[in-house]
Amino acid sequence: MKKIILASAAIAALATPTLAVDLGRGWALNNTVTLEYFVEAEDAVATYEAELTYSVNDQLSLYAYTEIDLEDIDFVGLDLGATYNPAQLEIAEFNIEAQFDNDLEYQELVLSAELQF
């Protein structure tokens, strides 16, 4: 039980955005380090995530996202996408994302819709 409490406290303290910067003129950079400890498997995972976004206007933003496995220092891949929040329908968000693997070869196109209420 002591290990679970210690692991939970460490994750809560360290799994927060390490840097979030508004670069101006619609550009923003968000960086996150995530630490996870799997108690039953006794395994730890550390990842670094970076997202560069550009807000075209209040409804449309473009982004590039990548993730790096910090244990193996392994580049996982790259996601390029666009998010649309229509002003007429404030509870909805639509997303299109192209996913590329660690060799930057195209893998998948993902379309999503999210309702927030």
C-alpha atoms as a PDB file:
ATOM      1  CA  MET A   1       0.000   0.000   0.000  1.00  0.00           C
ATOM      2  CA  LYS A   2       2.886   2.309   0.780  1.00  0.00           C
ATOM      3  CA  LYS A   3       4.247   1.818  -2.775  1.00  0.00           C
ATOM      4  CA  ILE A   4       0.876   2.723  -4.293  1.00  0.00           C
ATOM      5  CA  ILE A   5       0.613   5.945  -2.293  1.00  0.00           C
ATOM      6  CA  LEU A   6       4.217   6.905  -3.097  1.00  0.00           C
ATOM      7  CA  ALA A   7       3.782   6.130  -6.807  1.00  0.00           C
ATOM      8  CA  SER A   8       0.514   8.109  -6.907  1.00  0.00           C
ATOM      9  CA  ALA A   9       2.114  11.120  -5.248  1.00  0.00           C
ATOM     10  CA  ALA A  10       5.090  11.046  -7.614  1.00  0.00           C
ATOM     11  CA  ILE A  11       2.868  10.788 -10.680  1.00  0.00           C
ATOM     12  CA  ALA A  12       0.627  13.619  -9.486  1.00  0.00           C
ATOM     13  CA  ALA A  13       3.630  15.842  -8.867  1.00  0.00           C
ATOM     14  CA  LEU A  14       5.493  15.086 -12.062  1.00  0.00           C
ATOM     15  CA  ALA A  15       2.785  14.360 -14.656  1.00  0.00           C
ATOM     16  CA  THR A  16       1.916  17.990 -15.282  1.00  0.00           C
ATOM     17  CA  PRO A  17       2.703  20.166 -18.269  1.00  0.00           C
ATOM     18  CA  THR A  18       6.364  21.039 -18.076  1.00  0.00           C
ATOM     19  CA  LEU A  19       6.042  23.988 -20.415  1.00  0.00           C
ATOM     20  CA  ALA A  20       3.068  25.716 -22.007  1.00  0.00           C
ATOM     21  CA  VAL A  21       3.941  28.820 -23.966  1.00  0.00           C
ATOM     22  CA  ASP A  22       1.768  31.242 -25.888  1.00  0.00           C
ATOM     23  CA  LEU A  23       4.076  32.224 -28.734  1.00  0.00           C
ATOM     24  CA  GLY A  24       1.807  35.020 -29.987  1.00  0.00           C
ATOM     25  CA  ARG A  25      -0.077  35.587 -33.241  1.00  0.00           C
ATOM     26  CA  GLY A  26      -2.115  32.414 -32.725  1.00  0.00           C
ATOM     27  CA  TRP A  27       0.827  30.071 -32.041  1.00  0.00           C
ATOM     28  CA  ALA A  28       1.158  27.983 -28.861  1.00  0.00           C
ATOM     29  CA  LEU A  29       3.530  25.260 -27.697  1.00  0.00           C
ATOM     30  CA  ASN A  30       2.480  22.703 -25.095  1.00  0.00           C
ATOM     31  CA  ASN A  31       4.892  20.144 -23.639  1.00  0.00           C
ATOM     32  CA  THR A  32       3.984  17.375 -21.228  1.00  0.00           C
ATOM     33  CA  VAL A  33       5.997  14.722 -19.434  1.00  0.00           C
ATOM     34  CA  THR A  34       3.855  11.811 -18.257  1.00  0.00           C
ATOM     35  CA  LEU A  35       5.045   9.231 -15.748  1.00  0.00           C
ATOM     36  CA  GLU A  36       2.967   6.107 -15.225  1.00  0.00           C
ATOM     37  CA  TYR A  37       3.601   3.254 -12.821  1.00  0.00           C
ATOM     38  CA  PHE A  38       1.746  -0.014 -13.321  1.00  0.00           C
ATOM     39  CA  VAL A  39       1.576  -1.532  -9.835  1.00  0.00           C
ATOM     40  CA  GLU A  40       0.599  -5.105 -10.730  1.00  0.00           C
ATOM     41  CA  ALA A  41       3.135  -5.316 -13.572  1.00  0.00           C
ATOM     42  CA  GLU A  42       5.744  -3.363 -11.569  1.00  0.00           C
ATOM     43  CA  ASP A  43       6.598  -1.361 -14.671  1.00  0.00           C
ATOM     44  CA  ALA A  44       7.169   2.345 -15.168  1.00  0.00           C
ATOM     45  CA  VAL A  45       6.595   4.315 -18.375  1.00  0.00           C
ATOM     46  CA  ALA A  46       7.792   7.849 -19.064  1.00  0.00           C
ATOM     47  CA  THR A  47       6.745   9.802 -22.163  1.00  0.00           C
ATOM     48  CA  TYR A  48       7.321  13.293 -23.480  1.00  0.00           C
ATOM     49  CA  GLU A  49       4.592  14.888 -25.589  1.00  0.00           C
ATOM     50  CA  ALA A  50       4.894  18.094 -27.597  1.00  0.00           C
ATOM     51  CA  GLU A  51       2.095  19.894 -29.428  1.00  0.00           C
ATOM     52  CA  LEU A  52       2.466  22.974 -31.585  1.00  0.00           C
ATOM     53  CA  THR A  53      -0.860  24.645 -32.398  1.00  0.00           C
ATOM     54  CA  TYR A  54      -1.894  27.513 -34.604  1.00  0.00           C
ATOM     55  CA  SER A  55      -5.304  29.132 -34.092  1.00  0.00           C
ATOM     56  CA  VAL A  56      -6.545  30.329 -37.466  1.00  0.00           C
ATOM     57  CA  ASN A  57      -9.559  31.921 -35.773  1.00  0.00           C
ATOM     58  CA  ASP A  58     -11.879  31.200 -32.823  1.00  0.00           C
ATOM     59  CA  GLN A  59     -13.302  28.150 -34.602  1.00  0.00           C
ATOM     60  CA  LEU A  60     -10.366  26.515 -36.403  1.00  0.00           C
ATOM     61  CA  SER A  61      -6.963  25.415 -35.107  1.00  0.00           C
ATOM     62  CA  LEU A  62      -4.190  23.361 -36.701  1.00  0.00           C
ATOM     63  CA  TYR A  63      -1.741  21.218 -34.770  1.00  0.00           C
ATOM     64  CA  ALA A  64       1.329  18.991 -34.946  1.00  0.00           C
ATOM     65  CA  TYR A  65       1.762  16.477 -32.127  1.00  0.00           C
ATOM     66  CA  THR A  66       4.578  14.064 -31.308  1.00  0.00           C
ATOM     67  CA  GLU A  67       5.408  11.667 -28.516  1.00  0.00           C
ATOM     68  CA  ILE A  68       8.757  10.280 -27.372  1.00  0.00           C
ATOM     69  CA  ASP A  69       9.255   7.259 -25.125  1.00  0.00           C
ATOM     70  CA  LEU A  70      11.766   8.518 -22.541  1.00  0.00           C
ATOM     71  CA  GLU A  71      12.809   5.074 -21.376  1.00  0.00           C
ATOM     72  CA  ASP A  72      14.144   4.013 -24.784  1.00  0.00           C
ATOM     73  CA  ILE A  73      14.452   7.563 -26.197  1.00  0.00           C
ATOM     74  CA  ASP A  74      12.262   6.376 -29.037  1.00  0.00           C
ATOM     75  CA  PHE A  75      10.322   8.656 -31.402  1.00  0.00           C
ATOM     76  CA  VAL A  76       6.807   7.211 -31.571  1.00  0.00           C
ATOM     77  CA  GLY A  77       5.445   9.201 -34.506  1.00  0.00           C
ATOM     78  CA  LEU A  78       3.810  12.418 -35.632  1.00  0.00           C
ATOM     79  CA  ASP A  79       0.169  13.497 -35.854  1.00  0.00           C
ATOM     80  CA  LEU A  80      -0.968  16.440 -37.985  1.00  0.00           C
ATOM     81  CA  GLY A  81      -4.514  17.659 -37.637  1.00  0.00           C
ATOM     82  CA  ALA A  82      -7.174  20.312 -37.577  1.00  0.00           C
ATOM     83  CA  THR A  83      -9.869  20.983 -34.992  1.00  0.00           C
ATOM     84  CA  TYR A  84     -13.088  22.816 -35.834  1.00  0.00           C
ATOM     85  CA  ASN A  85     -15.430  24.259 -33.169  1.00  0.00           C
ATOM     86  CA  PRO A  86     -18.479  25.711 -34.961  1.00  0.00           C
ATOM     87  CA  ALA A  87     -19.797  28.861 -33.292  1.00  0.00           C
ATOM     88  CA  GLN A  88     -23.392  27.847 -34.058  1.00  0.00           C
ATOM     89  CA  LEU A  89     -22.985  24.549 -32.213  1.00  0.00           C
ATOM     90  CA  GLU A  90     -20.872  25.291 -29.124  1.00  0.00           C
ATOM     91  CA  ILE A  91     -21.123  21.771 -27.678  1.00  0.00           C
ATOM     92  CA  ALA A  92     -19.504  20.123 -30.721  1.00  0.00           C
ATOM     93  CA  GLU A  93     -15.910  19.738 -31.828  1.00  0.00           C
ATOM     94  CA  PHE A  94     -14.803  18.063 -35.055  1.00  0.00           C
ATOM     95  CA  ASN A  95     -11.304  16.792 -35.717  1.00  0.00           C
ATOM     96  CA  ILE A  96      -9.325  15.382 -38.631  1.00  0.00           C
ATOM     97  CA  GLU A  97      -5.905  13.889 -37.998  1.00  0.00           C
ATOM     98  CA  ALA A  98      -3.265  12.238 -40.171  1.00  0.00           C
ATOM     99  CA  GLN A  99      -1.032   9.855 -38.235  1.00  0.00           C
ATOM    100  CA  PHE A 100       2.545   8.994 -39.230  1.00  0.00           C
ATOM    101  CA  ASP A 101       4.833   6.345 -37.717  1.00  0.00           C
ATOM    102  CA  ASN A 102       8.386   6.750 -36.417  1.00  0.00           C
ATOM    103  CA  ASP A 103       9.707   6.623 -40.015  1.00  0.00           C
ATOM    104  CA  LEU A 104       7.237   9.401 -40.935  1.00  0.00           C
ATOM    105  CA  GLU A 105       5.305   7.024 -43.171  1.00  0.00           C
ATOM    106  CA  TYR A 106       1.554   7.611 -43.375  1.00  0.00           C
ATOM    107  CA  GLN A 107      -0.430   5.233 -41.136  1.00  0.00           C
ATOM    108  CA  GLU A 108      -4.011   6.395 -40.673  1.00  0.00           C
ATOM    109  CA  LEU A 109      -6.526   9.184 -41.172  1.00  0.00           C
ATOM    110  CA  VAL A 110      -8.765   9.697 -38.134  1.00  0.00           C
ATOM    111  CA  LEU A 111     -12.063  11.632 -38.201  1.00  0.00           C
ATOM    112  CA  SER A 112     -13.747  12.368 -34.883  1.00  0.00           C
ATOM    113  CA  ALA A 113     -16.658  14.284 -33.430  1.00  0.00           C
ATOM    114  CA  GLU A 114     -16.992  15.201 -29.762  1.00  0.00           C
ATOM    115  CA  LEU A 115     -20.037  16.499 -27.918  1.00  0.00           C
ATOM    116  CA  GLN A 116     -19.429  18.345 -24.652  1.00  0.00           C
ATOM    117  CA  PHE A 117     -22.351  18.790 -22.297  1.00  0.00           C
END
